[in-house]
Amino acid sequence: MDDYEKYATGLLIVFGALIIGGLMTVNLVVYDKPGFLFALGAAVVAWFSAFAVLFDRPRIYGLLLAIAIGLVGASIGAYVT
């Protein structure tokens, strides 16, 4: 069980804080509210995916990861346009 906890903690730090946090910052700087909200949604979904790993639910983890990737894409799309 210890390996799952380390992996879940890594997900919280790397995915939530660094990647999506940077995307949220960029959207805040350029005053892009939809892009920020998409990035915030991706951060929340990525945070919940750590619990799916912790409770050993790989299908739920895959679904949440796909949703987070979609929200990141939507945030980037809102920033670009």
N, C-alpha and C. Protein backbone atom coordinates (compact mmCIF):
# COMPACT_ATOMS: atom_id res chain seq x y z
N MET A 1 0.82 -1.20 0.00
CA MET A 1 0.00 0.00 0.00
C MET A 1 0.86 1.26 0.00
N ASP A 2 2.07 1.15 0.47
CA ASP A 2 2.95 2.30 0.55
C ASP A 2 3.29 2.86 -0.83
N ASP A 3 3.42 1.98 -1.83
CA ASP A 3 3.73 2.44 -3.18
C ASP A 3 2.60 3.28 -3.76
N TYR A 4 1.35 2.90 -3.48
CA TYR A 4 0.21 3.66 -3.98
C TYR A 4 0.19 5.06 -3.38
N GLU A 5 0.53 5.16 -2.11
CA GLU A 5 0.52 6.47 -1.47
C GLU A 5 1.58 7.39 -2.07
N LYS A 6 2.74 6.85 -2.37
CA LYS A 6 3.79 7.66 -2.99
C LYS A 6 3.38 8.09 -4.39
N TYR A 7 2.76 7.19 -5.13
CA TYR A 7 2.32 7.52 -6.49
C TYR A 7 1.22 8.57 -6.47
N ALA A 8 0.27 8.44 -5.55
CA ALA A 8 -0.81 9.42 -5.43
C ALA A 8 -0.27 10.78 -5.04
N THR A 9 0.69 10.82 -4.14
CA THR A 9 1.30 12.09 -3.75
C THR A 9 2.03 12.73 -4.92
N GLY A 10 2.70 11.92 -5.72
CA GLY A 10 3.37 12.43 -6.91
C GLY A 10 2.38 13.02 -7.90
N LEU A 11 1.23 12.37 -8.05
CA LEU A 11 0.20 12.91 -8.93
C LEU A 11 -0.29 14.27 -8.44
N LEU A 12 -0.53 14.38 -7.16
CA LEU A 12 -1.02 15.64 -6.61
C LEU A 12 -0.02 16.77 -6.84
N ILE A 13 1.25 16.48 -6.63
CA ILE A 13 2.26 17.53 -6.74
C ILE A 13 2.54 17.89 -8.19
N VAL A 14 2.90 16.89 -9.00
CA VAL A 14 3.35 17.16 -10.36
C VAL A 14 2.21 17.62 -11.25
N PHE A 15 1.14 16.83 -11.31
CA PHE A 15 0.08 17.12 -12.24
C PHE A 15 -0.72 18.34 -11.79
N GLY A 16 -1.13 18.36 -10.55
CA GLY A 16 -1.97 19.44 -10.06
C GLY A 16 -1.25 20.76 -9.91
N ALA A 17 -0.12 20.74 -9.26
CA ALA A 17 0.53 22.00 -8.91
C ALA A 17 1.35 22.59 -10.04
N LEU A 18 2.18 21.81 -10.68
CA LEU A 18 3.11 22.38 -11.65
C LEU A 18 2.47 22.63 -13.01
N ILE A 19 1.93 21.61 -13.61
CA ILE A 19 1.43 21.75 -14.98
C ILE A 19 0.18 22.61 -15.01
N ILE A 20 -0.83 22.23 -14.26
CA ILE A 20 -2.11 22.94 -14.32
C ILE A 20 -2.02 24.28 -13.60
N GLY A 21 -1.22 24.35 -12.54
CA GLY A 21 -1.03 25.63 -11.87
C GLY A 21 -0.41 26.68 -12.79
N GLY A 22 0.54 26.25 -13.60
CA GLY A 22 1.13 27.16 -14.58
C GLY A 22 0.13 27.60 -15.62
N LEU A 23 -0.71 26.68 -16.06
CA LEU A 23 -1.75 27.03 -17.03
C LEU A 23 -2.77 28.00 -16.43
N MET A 24 -3.10 27.81 -15.18
CA MET A 24 -4.02 28.74 -14.51
C MET A 24 -3.39 30.14 -14.41
N THR A 25 -2.10 30.18 -14.11
CA THR A 25 -1.41 31.46 -13.99
C THR A 25 -1.39 32.22 -15.32
N VAL A 26 -1.09 31.51 -16.39
CA VAL A 26 -1.06 32.15 -17.70
C VAL A 26 -2.43 32.74 -18.04
N ASN A 27 -3.48 31.99 -17.77
CA ASN A 27 -4.82 32.49 -18.08
C ASN A 27 -5.21 33.66 -17.18
N LEU A 28 -4.73 33.68 -15.95
CA LEU A 28 -4.99 34.83 -15.08
C LEU A 28 -4.28 36.08 -15.58
N VAL A 29 -3.06 35.91 -16.04
CA VAL A 29 -2.27 37.06 -16.49
C VAL A 29 -2.91 37.72 -17.70
N VAL A 30 -3.47 36.92 -18.60
CA VAL A 30 -4.07 37.50 -19.81
C VAL A 30 -5.58 37.73 -19.65
N TYR A 31 -6.09 37.62 -18.45
CA TYR A 31 -7.50 37.86 -18.14
C TYR A 31 -8.44 36.99 -18.98
N ASP A 32 -8.11 35.71 -19.10
CA ASP A 32 -8.94 34.77 -19.85
C ASP A 32 -9.71 33.90 -18.84
N LYS A 33 -10.93 34.32 -18.52
CA LYS A 33 -11.72 33.64 -17.50
C LYS A 33 -12.10 32.21 -17.88
N PRO A 34 -12.59 31.94 -19.11
CA PRO A 34 -12.93 30.55 -19.46
C PRO A 34 -11.71 29.62 -19.41
N GLY A 35 -10.58 30.10 -19.88
CA GLY A 35 -9.36 29.28 -19.83
C GLY A 35 -8.95 28.97 -18.41
N PHE A 36 -9.08 29.96 -17.53
CA PHE A 36 -8.76 29.73 -16.13
C PHE A 36 -9.70 28.71 -15.50
N LEU A 37 -10.98 28.83 -15.80
CA LEU A 37 -11.94 27.90 -15.21
C LEU A 37 -11.76 26.48 -15.74
N PHE A 38 -11.41 26.32 -17.01
CA PHE A 38 -11.10 24.99 -17.53
C PHE A 38 -9.87 24.41 -16.82
N ALA A 39 -8.84 25.23 -16.62
CA ALA A 39 -7.63 24.76 -15.93
C ALA A 39 -7.93 24.42 -14.48
N LEU A 40 -8.78 25.21 -13.84
CA LEU A 40 -9.17 24.91 -12.46
C LEU A 40 -9.94 23.60 -12.39
N GLY A 41 -10.83 23.38 -13.33
CA GLY A 41 -11.55 22.11 -13.38
C GLY A 41 -10.62 20.94 -13.60
N ALA A 42 -9.61 21.11 -14.44
CA ALA A 42 -8.62 20.06 -14.68
C ALA A 42 -7.82 19.78 -13.41
N ALA A 43 -7.50 20.81 -12.66
CA ALA A 43 -6.76 20.62 -11.42
C ALA A 43 -7.58 19.83 -10.40
N VAL A 44 -8.86 20.14 -10.31
CA VAL A 44 -9.73 19.43 -9.37
C VAL A 44 -9.89 17.97 -9.78
N VAL A 45 -10.09 17.72 -11.05
CA VAL A 45 -10.23 16.34 -11.54
C VAL A 45 -8.94 15.57 -11.34
N ALA A 46 -7.80 16.20 -11.61
CA ALA A 46 -6.51 15.54 -11.41
C ALA A 46 -6.28 15.24 -9.93
N TRP A 47 -6.72 16.13 -9.08
CA TRP A 47 -6.59 15.91 -7.64
C TRP A 47 -7.43 14.70 -7.21
N PHE A 48 -8.64 14.59 -7.73
CA PHE A 48 -9.48 13.44 -7.40
C PHE A 48 -8.95 12.14 -7.99
N SER A 49 -8.21 12.22 -9.08
CA SER A 49 -7.65 11.00 -9.66
C SER A 49 -6.62 10.36 -8.73
N ALA A 50 -5.99 11.15 -7.89
CA ALA A 50 -5.05 10.58 -6.92
C ALA A 50 -5.77 9.65 -5.95
N PHE A 51 -7.00 9.96 -5.62
CA PHE A 51 -7.76 9.08 -4.73
C PHE A 51 -8.13 7.78 -5.41
N ALA A 52 -8.36 7.83 -6.72
CA ALA A 52 -8.64 6.59 -7.46
C ALA A 52 -7.43 5.68 -7.44
N VAL A 53 -6.24 6.24 -7.52
CA VAL A 53 -5.02 5.42 -7.41
C VAL A 53 -4.88 4.88 -6.00
N LEU A 54 -5.15 5.71 -5.03
CA LEU A 54 -5.02 5.31 -3.63
C LEU A 54 -5.95 4.16 -3.29
N PHE A 55 -7.15 4.16 -3.84
CA PHE A 55 -8.12 3.10 -3.57
C PHE A 55 -8.10 1.99 -4.61
N ASP A 56 -7.07 1.99 -5.47
CA ASP A 56 -6.84 0.94 -6.46
C ASP A 56 -8.03 0.75 -7.40
N ARG A 57 -8.42 1.83 -8.06
CA ARG A 57 -9.49 1.84 -9.05
C ARG A 57 -8.94 2.32 -10.39
N PRO A 58 -8.31 1.42 -11.17
CA PRO A 58 -7.64 1.86 -12.40
C PRO A 58 -8.58 2.40 -13.47
N ARG A 59 -9.78 1.87 -13.59
CA ARG A 59 -10.71 2.38 -14.62
C ARG A 59 -11.19 3.78 -14.28
N ILE A 60 -11.47 4.01 -13.02
CA ILE A 60 -11.89 5.35 -12.60
C ILE A 60 -10.74 6.33 -12.79
N TYR A 61 -9.52 5.88 -12.48
CA TYR A 61 -8.34 6.72 -12.69
C TYR A 61 -8.18 7.08 -14.16
N GLY A 62 -8.33 6.11 -15.03
CA GLY A 62 -8.21 6.38 -16.47
C GLY A 62 -9.26 7.35 -16.95
N LEU A 63 -10.50 7.20 -16.47
CA LEU A 63 -11.57 8.11 -16.85
C LEU A 63 -11.29 9.53 -16.35
N LEU A 64 -10.87 9.66 -15.11
CA LEU A 64 -10.58 10.98 -14.56
C LEU A 64 -9.38 11.62 -15.26
N LEU A 65 -8.41 10.81 -15.61
CA LEU A 65 -7.26 11.34 -16.34
C LEU A 65 -7.65 11.83 -17.73
N ALA A 66 -8.53 11.09 -18.40
CA ALA A 66 -9.01 11.52 -19.72
C ALA A 66 -9.80 12.83 -19.61
N ILE A 67 -10.61 12.96 -18.58
CA ILE A 67 -11.36 14.20 -18.37
C ILE A 67 -10.41 15.36 -18.12
N ALA A 68 -9.40 15.13 -17.29
CA ALA A 68 -8.42 16.19 -16.99
C ALA A 68 -7.67 16.61 -18.25
N ILE A 69 -7.30 15.65 -19.09
CA ILE A 69 -6.60 15.97 -20.33
C ILE A 69 -7.51 16.78 -21.25
N GLY A 70 -8.78 16.41 -21.31
CA GLY A 70 -9.74 17.18 -22.11
C GLY A 70 -9.90 18.60 -21.62
N LEU A 71 -9.95 18.78 -20.30
CA LEU A 71 -10.07 20.12 -19.74
C LEU A 71 -8.81 20.95 -19.97
N VAL A 72 -7.66 20.32 -19.91
CA VAL A 72 -6.42 21.04 -20.21
C VAL A 72 -6.42 21.48 -21.67
N GLY A 73 -6.86 20.59 -22.55
CA GLY A 73 -6.96 20.96 -23.97
C GLY A 73 -7.93 22.10 -24.19
N ALA A 74 -9.06 22.09 -23.47
CA ALA A 74 -10.03 23.18 -23.59
C ALA A 74 -9.45 24.49 -23.07
N SER A 75 -8.66 24.41 -21.99
CA SER A 75 -8.04 25.61 -21.45
C SER A 75 -7.01 26.19 -22.42
N ILE A 76 -6.23 25.32 -23.03
CA ILE A 76 -5.25 25.79 -24.01
C ILE A 76 -5.97 26.38 -25.22
N GLY A 77 -7.05 25.72 -25.64
CA GLY A 77 -7.83 26.23 -26.76
C GLY A 77 -8.43 27.59 -26.47
N ALA A 78 -8.91 27.79 -25.24
CA ALA A 78 -9.47 29.09 -24.87
C ALA A 78 -8.38 30.15 -24.81
N TYR A 79 -7.18 29.77 -24.42
CA TYR A 79 -6.07 30.71 -24.36
C TYR A 79 -5.60 31.12 -25.76
N VAL A 80 -5.57 30.17 -26.67
CA VAL A 80 -5.06 30.43 -28.02
C VAL A 80 -6.02 31.29 -28.82
N THR A 81 -7.33 31.06 -28.66
CA THR A 81 -8.29 31.81 -29.47
C THR A 81 -8.61 33.16 -28.90
